[in-house]
Amino acid sequence: MARRHGPTLDRARETLRTREHWSPYPEDPAAYGPAAAASARDALAALRGRTLDLGQPGRDGLVGPSPAEGGERSPYGPELGIAYPHHDPDVLVAAMRRAMPRWREAGVTARAAVCAEILARLNAASHELALAAEHTSGHNPVMAFHAGAVHAQDRGLEAVAQAVAEQTRLPGSVVWSKPMPDGEPFVLDKTFTLRPRGVSLLVCNSVFPTWNGYPGLFASLATGNPVLVKPHPSAVLPLALTVRTARQVLAETGFDPDLVCLTPERPGEGLARRLAVHPDVRIVDYSGTTGFGDWLRRNASGARVFTSTSAVNSLLIESTDAYRGMLANLAFGLALYSGQLCTSPQNLLVPRDGIATDEGHKSFDEVLTDLGGALEELLADPASAVSVLGALLSPEVLARVDTAASGALGRVAVAPRRIVHPGHPDAVVRTPAVIALDAARPGDLATLSAEWLGPVHFAVAVDSARAGVELLARTARERGSLSAGAWTVSPATRAALEDACAEAGVMLSLNLMGHWYITQSAVYSDLHGTGLNPAADAVYCDAAFVGGRFHTVGVRRHRSPD
């Protein structure tokens, strides 16, 4: 297995160094064969009305299949009707600890090869994982296949490659010789032994359970730690399929499958809080709300905690030499997955006196009117619109859209529209709402400083480009941001933005056009998060993300003279 996956792992490590474009996992669904999509639909249909049992110890009941019992309901309408075994978490954790020594002693190369094989199997099941992403998180089909499957696999492999690099940074052994005054060197034999921290708890979100979950899962597993996966109650299926595959590969390669376990929770159980403070849980990965991330940092003192939480992302529209191209790029970035991406722009900062363009000066209101026209053109056809928007993943998101549409937040510059999904009439689909605010009004400033996950965006009048830069940076520092963007032809504004974003710790995208958007993050090249602002103290994927999951213990032995 090491021979089979060695070239892929070597290429991944080299790509992390060069930051070029590369992936071993095809993005084109057609690359997986003509029968793959139909087989995935059949596989999902076969799970409905059944219990997806992974053969884990400590089973003490069921979760689901109905939403009232903790089961999942698709954002496209139907209940999934899948039940999952519930397990006594103490039994699971004990079993995982028993599985750990042999996995630890297998060594870096063997662990990495097994992880690569798990990812290869997951890649072969990409159509099935994509369907699971659609019907739990509301992704559109393209996003489901990319972010829910192949790009998540890329993130997993990236973490494995980084883990290999960090674990092989020191030699396994060395002969240490120091010259002494008498001319005879003092010689020691030294060995360096890797020791994983312990059980790793992965607490996943409902928006991108695999894309946000695979980095921690594979970083921990590759560094020798067993992983307990705690899915969000509304998005269990993608992670259940993942854990099933991991357990199969571990068993086939002679390791205990209890190295990776799934722990769905009953309604209101609060299982993540209980597990995060378990004495045997030494690593916690979490993506979700800021409130629970703060709770973890305060209370999970026995664990190394990695969090990615709420983000308020801003972009500045100051000037452009390609006005129509800017509007098209911006409209798609706002509409993609109905603004439910952690990198979606929320605040659009526009000088109140307007902007300079290749079509002449455009006032603040003209920019908003033209943006509304670009959104209308993009989303005019329902079939095309739903392929961009997907479905709203929860009633809470819909409530935010309704609040914005009511005018309670400010003047409605672009009103949201309900779109009937041609294939799923029960799906909840809305086009973006754009609300006009003014940074000079304290109430508006409070509104734009909060996260409004979903298709709610604020066009904010600012005094000048400089004021826009300052507001963008302050929002990132105080509220947390994962992405920032700008359209400007001014070298001075561009330089100010670059300095401000570096200081605030947020990735900046400048003057994007065509088919690359502020929301996108290129695996093996872009770093997701910086650890410098409240949106994330974990970075997908740098040395610190894997380095905190293991320790190195040295032994020194005196070597007697021959």
Protein backbone atom coordinates (compact mmCIF):
# COMPACT_ATOMS: atom_id res chain seq x y z
CA MET A 1 0.00 0.00 0.00
CA ALA A 2 2.88 2.37 0.73
CA ARG A 3 4.23 1.63 -2.76
CA ARG A 4 0.81 2.29 -4.33
CA HIS A 5 0.18 5.61 -2.62
CA GLY A 6 3.75 6.82 -2.18
CA PRO A 7 3.90 8.80 -5.44
CA THR A 8 0.62 10.58 -4.63
CA LEU A 9 1.82 11.51 -1.16
CA ASP A 10 5.18 12.68 -2.53
CA ARG A 11 3.45 14.83 -5.13
CA ALA A 12 1.15 16.30 -2.46
CA ARG A 13 4.13 17.24 -0.31
CA GLU A 14 5.89 18.83 -3.26
CA THR A 15 2.76 20.78 -4.19
CA LEU A 16 2.52 22.13 -0.65
CA ARG A 17 6.01 23.51 -1.21
CA THR A 18 5.42 24.98 -4.67
CA ARG A 19 1.74 25.98 -4.14
CA GLU A 20 0.96 25.14 -7.78
CA HIS A 21 -2.33 23.71 -9.06
CA TRP A 22 -2.68 19.93 -8.68
CA SER A 23 -5.19 17.34 -7.56
CA PRO A 24 -5.33 13.55 -7.85
CA TYR A 25 -9.13 13.63 -7.67
CA PRO A 26 -11.02 14.57 -10.87
CA GLU A 27 -13.55 17.40 -10.56
CA ASP A 28 -15.59 16.22 -13.55
CA PRO A 29 -18.39 13.86 -12.46
CA ALA A 30 -18.15 12.11 -15.85
CA ALA A 31 -14.64 10.92 -14.99
CA TYR A 32 -16.12 8.38 -12.57
CA GLY A 33 -17.90 6.35 -15.24
CA PRO A 34 -21.31 6.39 -16.91
CA ALA A 35 -23.02 4.35 -14.17
CA ALA A 36 -21.62 6.19 -11.14
CA ALA A 37 -24.43 8.72 -10.71
CA ALA A 38 -27.20 6.10 -11.05
CA SER A 39 -25.39 3.77 -8.64
CA ALA A 40 -25.18 6.58 -6.10
CA ARG A 41 -28.91 7.27 -6.37
CA ASP A 42 -29.63 3.58 -5.90
CA ALA A 43 -27.31 3.46 -2.87
CA LEU A 44 -29.08 6.40 -1.23
CA ALA A 45 -32.50 4.90 -1.98
CA ALA A 46 -31.39 1.62 -0.39
CA LEU A 47 -30.54 3.45 2.87
CA ARG A 48 -33.99 5.01 3.28
CA GLY A 49 -36.02 3.32 5.97
CA ARG A 50 -33.00 1.41 7.24
CA THR A 51 -30.42 1.65 10.02
CA LEU A 52 -26.88 2.48 8.94
CA ASP A 53 -24.97 0.35 11.45
CA LEU A 54 -21.18 0.66 11.41
CA GLY A 55 -20.55 -2.22 13.82
CA GLN A 56 -19.23 -0.05 16.64
CA PRO A 57 -19.25 -1.12 20.31
CA GLY A 58 -21.53 0.27 23.02
CA ARG A 59 -24.76 0.48 21.03
CA ASP A 60 -27.58 1.58 23.34
CA GLY A 61 -30.36 2.77 21.05
CA LEU A 62 -31.11 4.60 17.81
CA VAL A 63 -31.04 8.16 16.51
CA GLY A 64 -33.73 8.86 13.89
CA PRO A 65 -35.11 8.02 11.43
CA SER A 66 -37.62 10.90 11.79
CA PRO A 67 -36.47 14.49 12.49
CA ALA A 68 -38.30 14.33 15.82
CA GLU A 69 -36.00 11.45 16.78
CA GLY A 70 -32.88 13.21 15.54
CA GLY A 71 -33.15 12.11 11.90
CA GLU A 72 -32.31 14.24 8.89
CA ARG A 73 -34.63 16.16 6.58
CA SER A 74 -33.34 17.18 3.16
CA PRO A 75 -33.37 20.93 2.45
CA TYR A 76 -34.92 19.85 -0.84
CA GLY A 77 -37.99 18.52 0.98
CA PRO A 78 -38.17 14.86 2.01
CA GLU A 79 -37.07 13.17 5.20
CA LEU A 80 -34.07 10.93 4.58
CA GLY A 81 -35.56 8.22 6.80
CA ILE A 82 -32.18 6.84 7.91
CA ALA A 83 -31.56 5.71 11.49
CA TYR A 84 -28.15 5.57 13.12
CA PRO A 85 -27.11 3.57 16.19
CA HIS A 86 -26.50 5.59 19.33
CA HIS A 87 -23.50 4.53 21.42
CA ASP A 88 -22.38 4.92 24.98
CA PRO A 89 -19.55 7.44 24.48
CA ASP A 90 -17.48 6.02 27.34
CA VAL A 91 -17.51 2.59 25.67
CA LEU A 92 -16.47 4.14 22.35
CA VAL A 93 -13.63 6.13 23.86
CA ALA A 94 -12.32 3.09 25.74
CA ALA A 95 -12.37 1.02 22.54
CA MET A 96 -10.51 3.76 20.68
CA ARG A 97 -7.82 3.90 23.32
CA ARG A 98 -7.32 0.15 23.02
CA ALA A 99 -6.93 0.50 19.26
CA MET A 100 -4.33 3.23 19.54
CA PRO A 101 -1.02 1.44 20.40
CA ARG A 102 -0.77 -0.68 17.25
CA TRP A 103 -1.68 2.29 15.07
CA ARG A 104 0.92 4.39 16.83
CA GLU A 105 3.62 1.76 16.37
CA ALA A 106 2.81 1.29 12.67
CA GLY A 107 4.84 4.38 11.90
CA VAL A 108 4.44 7.47 9.76
CA THR A 109 4.66 5.83 6.33
CA ALA A 110 2.16 3.07 7.05
CA ARG A 111 -0.35 5.44 8.61
CA ALA A 112 -0.09 7.84 5.68
CA ALA A 113 -0.60 5.02 3.19
CA VAL A 114 -3.74 3.81 4.99
CA CYS A 115 -5.09 7.37 5.07
CA ALA A 116 -4.39 7.72 1.35
CA GLU A 117 -6.25 4.47 0.70
CA ILE A 118 -9.25 5.72 2.70
CA LEU A 119 -9.26 8.89 0.59
CA ALA A 120 -8.98 6.89 -2.63
CA ARG A 121 -12.02 4.82 -1.60
CA LEU A 122 -13.91 7.99 -0.71
CA ASN A 123 -12.99 9.44 -4.08
CA ALA A 124 -14.44 6.39 -5.82
CA ALA A 125 -17.68 7.07 -3.89
CA SER A 126 -17.76 10.78 -4.80
CA HIS A 127 -21.18 10.63 -6.43
CA GLU A 128 -22.65 9.08 -3.29
CA LEU A 129 -20.98 11.65 -1.06
CA ALA A 130 -22.22 14.44 -3.32
CA LEU A 131 -25.82 13.23 -3.03
CA ALA A 132 -25.40 13.10 0.74
CA ALA A 133 -24.17 16.72 0.69
CA GLU A 134 -27.13 17.83 -1.43
CA HIS A 135 -29.71 16.22 0.81
CA THR A 136 -28.26 17.28 4.15
CA SER A 137 -26.67 20.67 3.50
CA GLY A 138 -28.69 21.88 0.51
CA HIS A 139 -25.73 22.17 -1.86
CA ASN A 140 -26.40 22.53 -5.55
CA PRO A 141 -25.15 19.50 -7.54
CA VAL A 142 -21.87 21.06 -8.69
CA MET A 143 -20.98 22.39 -5.25
CA ALA A 144 -21.98 19.07 -3.69
CA PHE A 145 -19.62 17.19 -5.97
CA HIS A 146 -16.80 19.66 -5.43
CA ALA A 147 -16.97 20.88 -1.81
CA GLY A 148 -18.88 17.86 -0.52
CA ALA A 149 -16.66 15.28 -2.19
CA VAL A 150 -13.49 15.87 -4.24
CA HIS A 151 -12.32 19.14 -2.68
CA ALA A 152 -12.95 17.71 0.78
CA GLN A 153 -10.78 14.76 -0.24
CA ASP A 154 -8.11 17.21 -1.36
CA ARG A 155 -8.24 18.86 2.05
CA GLY A 156 -7.83 15.45 3.67
CA LEU A 157 -4.82 14.54 1.53
CA GLU A 158 -3.31 17.97 2.15
CA ALA A 159 -3.49 17.28 5.89
CA VAL A 160 -1.89 13.85 5.49
CA ALA A 161 0.96 15.28 3.42
CA GLN A 162 1.56 18.05 5.96
CA ALA A 163 1.47 15.48 8.77
CA VAL A 164 4.11 13.36 7.04
CA ALA A 165 6.33 16.40 6.55
CA GLU A 166 6.14 17.44 10.20
CA GLN A 167 6.60 13.92 11.59
CA THR A 168 9.72 13.34 9.49
CA ARG A 169 11.32 16.68 10.24
CA LEU A 170 13.54 15.10 12.90
CA PRO A 171 15.63 11.98 12.29
CA GLY A 172 14.61 8.80 14.05
CA SER A 173 18.12 8.41 15.47
CA VAL A 174 21.46 10.18 15.45
CA VAL A 175 24.96 9.74 16.81
CA TRP A 176 25.80 12.96 18.66
CA SER A 177 29.44 13.79 19.14
CA LYS A 178 30.87 16.79 20.97
CA PRO A 179 34.63 17.54 20.99
CA MET A 180 36.12 17.68 24.49
CA PRO A 181 39.27 19.45 25.83
CA ASP A 182 41.18 16.17 26.17
CA GLY A 183 40.76 15.48 22.47
CA GLU A 184 38.33 12.60 22.95
CA PRO A 185 34.79 13.35 21.77
CA PHE A 186 31.84 12.76 24.05
CA VAL A 187 29.42 10.55 22.15
CA LEU A 188 25.73 9.87 22.72
CA ASP A 189 23.26 7.76 20.78
CA LYS A 190 19.99 9.66 20.51
CA THR A 191 16.58 8.48 19.36
CA PHE A 192 13.44 10.53 18.76
CA THR A 193 10.10 8.79 19.21
CA LEU A 194 6.75 10.19 18.11
CA ARG A 195 3.83 9.99 20.50
CA PRO A 196 0.27 11.01 19.53
CA ARG A 197 -1.74 13.06 21.99
CA GLY A 198 -4.76 10.74 22.34
CA VAL A 199 -8.38 10.51 21.27
CA SER A 200 -9.36 13.25 18.83
CA LEU A 201 -12.91 14.62 18.82
CA LEU A 202 -14.18 16.04 15.52
CA VAL A 203 -17.29 18.22 15.96
CA CYS A 204 -18.72 18.93 12.52
CA ASN A 205 -21.09 21.57 11.14
CA SER A 206 -24.13 21.24 8.89
CA VAL A 207 -22.87 23.50 6.10
CA PHE A 208 -19.71 21.70 4.95
CA PRO A 209 -19.34 18.63 7.16
CA THR A 210 -16.71 16.96 4.97
CA TRP A 211 -14.81 19.99 3.65
CA ASN A 212 -14.43 21.36 7.17
CA GLY A 213 -14.18 17.91 8.77
CA TYR A 214 -11.63 16.05 6.66
CA PRO A 215 -8.63 18.26 7.59
CA GLY A 216 -8.94 17.46 11.30
CA LEU A 217 -9.95 13.85 10.70
CA PHE A 218 -6.94 13.02 8.56
CA ALA A 219 -4.46 15.25 10.40
CA SER A 220 -5.25 13.39 13.63
CA LEU A 221 -5.36 9.93 12.08
CA ALA A 222 -2.08 10.40 10.19
CA THR A 223 -0.33 11.51 13.40
CA GLY A 224 -1.44 8.38 15.26
CA ASN A 225 -4.61 9.55 17.03
CA PRO A 226 -7.97 7.75 16.92
CA VAL A 227 -10.83 10.01 15.81
CA LEU A 228 -14.34 10.21 17.24
CA VAL A 229 -16.62 11.96 14.73
CA LYS A 230 -19.57 13.89 16.21
CA PRO A 231 -21.75 15.00 13.26
CA HIS A 232 -24.25 17.82 13.27
CA PRO A 233 -27.71 16.29 13.76
CA SER A 234 -28.92 17.57 10.40
CA ALA A 235 -25.89 16.33 8.43
CA VAL A 236 -24.99 12.87 9.67
CA LEU A 237 -25.04 10.94 6.39
CA PRO A 238 -21.87 12.37 4.71
CA LEU A 239 -19.84 11.55 7.82
CA ALA A 240 -21.48 8.16 8.36
CA LEU A 241 -20.43 7.20 4.82
CA THR A 242 -16.94 8.54 5.53
CA VAL A 243 -16.55 6.63 8.78
CA ARG A 244 -17.91 3.46 7.18
CA THR A 245 -15.22 3.65 4.50
CA ALA A 246 -12.46 4.42 7.01
CA ARG A 247 -13.44 1.47 9.19
CA GLN A 248 -13.51 -0.87 6.20
CA VAL A 249 -10.01 0.15 5.10
CA LEU A 250 -8.60 -0.07 8.63
CA ALA A 251 -9.98 -3.59 9.06
CA GLU A 252 -8.69 -4.71 5.66
CA THR A 253 -5.20 -3.44 6.46
CA GLY A 254 -5.04 -5.23 9.80
CA PHE A 255 -5.84 -2.35 12.13
CA ASP A 256 -8.66 -2.00 14.61
CA PRO A 257 -11.61 -0.24 12.91
CA ASP A 258 -12.44 1.44 16.22
CA LEU A 259 -9.68 3.91 15.40
CA VAL A 260 -12.47 5.87 13.68
CA CYS A 261 -15.96 5.95 15.19
CA LEU A 262 -19.16 7.92 14.65
CA THR A 263 -21.27 9.23 17.52
CA PRO A 264 -24.64 10.66 16.44
CA GLU A 265 -26.56 12.32 19.23
CA ARG A 266 -30.15 12.23 20.42
CA PRO A 267 -32.16 15.49 20.29
CA GLY A 268 -31.02 17.84 23.04
CA GLU A 269 -28.29 15.49 24.27
CA GLY A 270 -25.46 18.04 24.11
CA LEU A 271 -22.95 15.29 23.36
CA ALA A 272 -20.20 17.60 22.10
CA ARG A 273 -19.99 19.39 25.46
CA ARG A 274 -19.75 16.09 27.34
CA LEU A 275 -17.11 14.63 25.04
CA ALA A 276 -14.97 17.78 24.80
CA VAL A 277 -14.19 17.59 28.54
CA HIS A 278 -13.73 13.79 28.63
CA PRO A 279 -10.33 13.10 30.22
CA ASP A 280 -9.26 10.87 27.32
CA VAL A 281 -10.11 13.44 24.63
CA ARG A 282 -6.88 15.29 23.93
CA ILE A 283 -7.68 17.00 20.60
CA VAL A 284 -10.83 18.83 19.54
CA ASP A 285 -11.55 20.05 16.01
CA TYR A 286 -14.60 22.27 15.69
CA SER A 287 -16.23 24.30 12.92
CA GLY A 288 -19.42 26.21 13.67
CA THR A 289 -20.69 29.12 15.72
CA THR A 290 -18.44 31.50 17.62
CA GLY A 291 -20.37 30.89 20.85
CA PHE A 292 -19.55 27.19 21.07
CA GLY A 293 -16.01 27.79 19.84
CA ASP A 294 -15.50 30.19 22.74
CA TRP A 295 -16.99 27.62 25.13
CA LEU A 296 -14.55 24.99 23.92
CA ARG A 297 -11.56 27.27 24.41
CA ARG A 298 -12.69 28.05 27.96
CA ASN A 299 -13.66 24.55 29.04
CA ALA A 300 -11.79 21.91 27.04
CA SER A 301 -8.57 22.68 28.90
CA GLY A 302 -7.24 19.13 28.64
CA ALA A 303 -7.32 19.16 24.84
CA ARG A 304 -5.58 20.98 22.03
CA VAL A 305 -8.50 22.86 20.45
CA PHE A 306 -8.66 23.86 16.77
CA THR A 307 -11.63 26.05 15.82
CA SER A 308 -13.09 27.67 12.71
CA THR A 309 -16.08 29.83 13.61
CA SER A 310 -18.29 32.67 12.37
CA ALA A 311 -16.97 35.13 9.80
CA VAL A 312 -18.10 38.56 8.63
CA ASN A 313 -16.51 39.03 5.22
CA SER A 314 -16.25 42.39 3.45
CA LEU A 315 -15.25 43.69 0.06
CA LEU A 316 -14.56 47.21 -1.16
CA ILE A 317 -15.88 48.50 -4.48
CA GLU A 318 -13.78 51.60 -5.14
CA SER A 319 -13.14 51.70 -8.92
CA THR A 320 -12.90 49.36 -11.88
CA ASP A 321 -11.86 49.32 -15.52
CA ALA A 322 -14.25 46.44 -16.27
CA TYR A 323 -17.59 47.39 -14.73
CA ARG A 324 -19.76 44.72 -16.33
CA GLY A 325 -17.22 41.99 -15.62
CA MET A 326 -17.04 43.14 -12.00
CA LEU A 327 -20.84 43.03 -11.64
CA ALA A 328 -21.04 39.55 -13.16
CA ASN A 329 -18.31 38.23 -10.87
CA LEU A 330 -19.83 39.89 -7.81
CA ALA A 331 -23.36 38.65 -8.57
CA PHE A 332 -22.19 35.06 -8.86
CA GLY A 333 -20.18 35.36 -5.64
CA LEU A 334 -23.25 36.62 -3.77
CA ALA A 335 -25.58 33.99 -5.23
CA LEU A 336 -23.35 30.93 -4.91
CA TYR A 337 -24.89 28.51 -2.39
CA SER A 338 -27.22 31.31 -1.31
CA GLY A 339 -24.48 33.09 0.63
CA GLN A 340 -24.09 30.14 3.02
CA LEU A 341 -20.35 29.72 2.43
CA CYS A 342 -18.00 30.72 5.24
CA THR A 343 -16.16 32.83 2.64
CA SER A 344 -19.28 34.51 1.16
CA PRO A 345 -19.03 38.31 1.11
CA GLN A 346 -21.56 39.95 3.41
CA ASN A 347 -20.63 43.64 3.47
CA LEU A 348 -20.15 45.51 0.19
CA LEU A 349 -18.38 48.77 1.02
CA VAL A 350 -19.00 51.52 -1.56
CA PRO A 351 -17.96 55.20 -1.29
CA ARG A 352 -21.12 57.25 -0.81
CA ASP A 353 -20.04 59.57 -3.66
CA GLY A 354 -19.85 56.64 -6.07
CA ILE A 355 -17.10 54.94 -8.04
CA ALA A 356 -15.06 55.48 -11.20
CA THR A 357 -15.57 52.92 -13.97
CA ASP A 358 -14.83 52.35 -17.63
CA GLU A 359 -18.45 53.43 -18.26
CA GLY A 360 -18.00 56.71 -16.40
CA HIS A 361 -18.87 57.68 -12.85
CA LYS A 362 -21.47 55.50 -11.11
CA SER A 363 -23.32 56.73 -8.04
CA PHE A 364 -23.88 54.58 -4.97
CA ASP A 365 -27.48 53.91 -6.01
CA GLU A 366 -26.51 53.19 -9.61
CA VAL A 367 -24.07 50.52 -8.43
CA LEU A 368 -26.84 48.88 -6.40
CA THR A 369 -29.31 49.09 -9.29
CA ASP A 370 -26.82 47.58 -11.72
CA LEU A 371 -25.93 44.83 -9.22
CA GLY A 372 -29.62 44.01 -8.97
CA GLY A 373 -29.74 43.77 -12.75
CA ALA A 374 -26.74 41.42 -12.79
CA LEU A 375 -28.39 39.20 -10.19
CA GLU A 376 -31.65 39.21 -12.17
CA GLU A 377 -29.83 38.20 -15.34
CA LEU A 378 -27.90 35.45 -13.57
CA LEU A 379 -30.94 34.01 -11.80
CA ALA A 380 -33.74 34.65 -14.31
CA ASP A 381 -34.21 31.02 -15.34
CA PRO A 382 -35.32 28.84 -12.39
CA ALA A 383 -33.41 25.78 -13.57
CA SER A 384 -30.18 27.75 -13.91
CA ALA A 385 -30.83 29.69 -10.72
CA VAL A 386 -31.18 26.63 -8.48
CA SER A 387 -27.99 25.20 -9.96
CA VAL A 388 -26.20 28.20 -8.41
CA LEU A 389 -28.27 28.87 -5.30
CA GLY A 390 -28.97 25.38 -3.98
CA ALA A 391 -31.44 25.36 -1.08
CA LEU A 392 -31.49 27.15 2.27
CA LEU A 393 -30.18 24.69 4.80
CA SER A 394 -32.33 25.63 7.80
CA PRO A 395 -35.39 27.59 8.95
CA GLU A 396 -33.04 29.99 10.74
CA VAL A 397 -31.51 31.05 7.42
CA LEU A 398 -34.96 31.62 5.92
CA ALA A 399 -35.93 33.75 8.94
CA ARG A 400 -32.92 35.99 8.31
CA VAL A 401 -33.96 36.46 4.67
CA ASP A 402 -37.53 37.30 5.70
CA THR A 403 -36.25 39.84 8.23
CA ALA A 404 -34.12 41.51 5.57
CA ALA A 405 -36.97 41.52 3.03
CA SER A 406 -39.29 43.20 5.53
CA GLY A 407 -37.15 46.34 5.60
CA ALA A 408 -36.44 45.94 9.31
CA LEU A 409 -32.68 46.12 8.72
CA GLY A 410 -32.65 49.01 6.26
CA ARG A 411 -33.67 50.05 2.75
CA VAL A 412 -34.16 47.03 0.51
CA ALA A 413 -32.04 47.80 -2.55
CA VAL A 414 -32.42 44.34 -4.11
CA ALA A 415 -35.38 42.30 -2.90
CA PRO A 416 -35.07 38.52 -2.54
CA ARG A 417 -37.31 36.32 -4.68
CA ARG A 418 -38.72 32.88 -4.06
CA ILE A 419 -37.76 30.40 -6.76
CA VAL A 420 -39.63 27.15 -7.26
CA HIS A 421 -37.13 24.36 -7.80
CA PRO A 422 -38.14 22.51 -10.99
CA GLY A 423 -37.18 19.12 -9.56
CA HIS A 424 -37.92 19.68 -5.86
CA PRO A 425 -40.99 21.88 -5.36
CA ASP A 426 -40.68 21.66 -1.55
CA ALA A 427 -37.16 23.10 -1.55
CA VAL A 428 -36.74 26.53 0.05
CA VAL A 429 -34.83 28.68 -2.46
CA ARG A 430 -34.32 32.44 -2.29
CA THR A 431 -32.30 34.88 -4.38
CA PRO A 432 -29.98 37.32 -2.54
CA ALA A 433 -31.30 40.32 -0.66
CA VAL A 434 -29.16 43.48 -0.73
CA ILE A 435 -29.86 46.03 2.01
CA ALA A 436 -28.52 49.60 1.84
CA LEU A 437 -26.80 50.75 5.04
CA ASP A 438 -24.67 53.71 6.04
CA ALA A 439 -21.49 53.26 8.07
CA ALA A 440 -22.11 56.66 9.69
CA ARG A 441 -25.21 55.35 11.49
CA PRO A 442 -24.44 53.45 14.72
CA GLY A 443 -27.41 51.12 14.27
CA ASP A 444 -26.31 50.20 10.77
CA LEU A 445 -22.77 49.62 12.00
CA ALA A 446 -24.07 47.15 14.59
CA THR A 447 -26.10 45.34 11.91
CA LEU A 448 -23.21 44.88 9.48
CA SER A 449 -20.89 43.79 12.30
CA ALA A 450 -22.98 40.66 12.99
CA GLU A 451 -22.84 37.53 10.84
CA TRP A 452 -25.93 37.02 8.63
CA LEU A 453 -25.30 33.56 7.19
CA GLY A 454 -27.38 33.16 4.06
CA PRO A 455 -28.45 35.34 1.11
CA VAL A 456 -28.45 38.61 3.08
CA HIS A 457 -25.89 41.21 1.99
CA PHE A 458 -25.33 44.83 2.98
CA ALA A 459 -24.29 47.59 0.61
CA VAL A 460 -22.63 50.02 2.97
CA ALA A 461 -22.03 53.67 2.15
CA VAL A 462 -18.60 54.78 3.41
CA ASP A 463 -17.02 58.22 3.36
CA SER A 464 -14.07 57.25 1.16
CA ALA A 465 -11.89 54.39 0.00
CA ARG A 466 -9.71 54.94 3.04
CA ALA A 467 -12.73 54.70 5.33
CA GLY A 468 -13.75 51.51 3.56
CA VAL A 469 -10.33 49.97 4.11
CA GLU A 470 -10.45 50.90 7.78
CA LEU A 471 -13.95 49.42 8.22
CA LEU A 472 -13.00 46.22 6.40
CA ALA A 473 -9.95 45.75 8.61
CA ARG A 474 -11.76 46.61 11.84
CA THR A 475 -14.54 44.15 11.08
CA ALA A 476 -11.96 41.42 10.45
CA ARG A 477 -10.07 42.16 13.66
CA GLU A 478 -13.13 42.45 15.90
CA ARG A 479 -15.62 40.01 14.36
CA GLY A 480 -13.40 37.70 12.33
CA SER A 481 -13.11 37.28 8.56
CA LEU A 482 -11.98 34.46 6.29
CA SER A 483 -11.96 36.40 3.04
CA ALA A 484 -11.79 40.00 1.86
CA GLY A 485 -12.03 41.42 -1.62
CA ALA A 486 -11.81 44.63 -3.58
CA TRP A 487 -12.17 46.15 -6.98
CA THR A 488 -9.85 49.12 -7.38
CA VAL A 489 -7.58 50.59 -10.03
CA SER A 490 -5.83 52.78 -7.46
CA PRO A 491 -2.30 51.63 -6.52
CA ALA A 492 -2.59 53.52 -3.24
CA THR A 493 -5.87 51.84 -2.31
CA ARG A 494 -4.50 48.45 -3.31
CA ALA A 495 -1.41 48.94 -1.15
CA ALA A 496 -3.51 50.11 1.80
CA LEU A 497 -5.73 47.04 1.47
CA GLU A 498 -2.80 44.66 1.33
CA ASP A 499 -1.28 46.18 4.46
CA ALA A 500 -4.60 46.23 6.33
CA CYS A 501 -5.49 42.65 5.45
CA ALA A 502 -2.04 41.39 6.40
CA GLU A 503 -2.39 43.11 9.76
CA ALA A 504 -5.94 41.79 10.31
CA GLY A 505 -5.02 38.32 9.11
CA VAL A 506 -7.49 37.87 6.26
CA MET A 507 -6.88 36.61 2.71
CA LEU A 508 -7.42 39.33 0.11
CA SER A 509 -8.70 38.88 -3.45
CA LEU A 510 -8.19 41.81 -5.82
CA ASN A 511 -10.06 42.62 -9.04
CA LEU A 512 -11.34 39.10 -9.68
CA MET A 513 -13.01 38.53 -13.04
CA GLY A 514 -14.32 35.58 -14.99
CA HIS A 515 -14.68 32.22 -13.30
CA TRP A 516 -12.79 32.70 -10.06
CA TYR A 517 -14.62 34.15 -7.08
CA ILE A 518 -13.90 35.51 -3.62
CA THR A 519 -15.63 32.47 -2.14
CA GLN A 520 -13.18 29.95 -3.60
CA SER A 521 -10.18 28.44 -1.83
CA ALA A 522 -7.64 26.40 -3.80
CA VAL A 523 -6.48 23.35 -1.85
CA TYR A 524 -2.68 22.81 -1.65
CA SER A 525 -2.24 26.51 -2.52
CA ASP A 526 -4.49 28.81 -0.48
CA LEU A 527 -4.41 28.72 3.30
CA HIS A 528 -7.94 28.72 4.73
CA GLY A 529 -7.82 30.99 7.78
CA THR A 530 -4.78 32.58 9.35
CA GLY A 531 -5.24 32.28 13.10
CA LEU A 532 -4.84 36.06 13.36
CA ASN A 533 -8.49 37.07 13.78
CA PRO A 534 -11.50 35.59 15.62
CA ALA A 535 -12.83 33.63 12.62
CA ALA A 536 -10.31 30.81 13.06
CA ASP A 537 -7.43 29.68 15.19
CA ALA A 538 -6.91 26.70 12.87
CA VAL A 539 -5.40 27.01 9.41
CA TYR A 540 -6.16 24.50 6.66
CA CYS A 541 -3.42 23.47 6.37
CA ASP A 542 -0.18 24.68 7.93
CA ALA A 543 2.48 23.08 10.11
CA ALA A 544 0.79 24.20 13.33
CA PHE A 545 -2.43 22.43 12.31
CA VAL A 546 -0.71 19.04 12.43
CA GLY A 547 2.19 19.77 14.78
CA GLY A 548 -0.03 20.10 17.84
CA ARG A 549 -1.38 16.58 17.42
CA PHE A 550 1.78 14.70 18.40
CA HIS A 551 4.87 15.07 20.57
CA THR A 552 8.45 13.91 20.23
CA VAL A 553 10.24 12.14 23.08
CA GLY A 554 14.01 11.82 23.08
CA VAL A 555 16.24 9.14 24.61
CA ARG A 556 20.00 9.67 25.13
CA ARG A 557 22.34 6.73 25.61
CA HIS A 558 26.00 6.99 26.50
CA ARG A 559 28.28 5.32 23.98
CA SER A 560 31.36 3.83 25.57
CA PRO A 561 34.68 4.22 23.76
CA ASP A 562 35.58 1.21 21.59
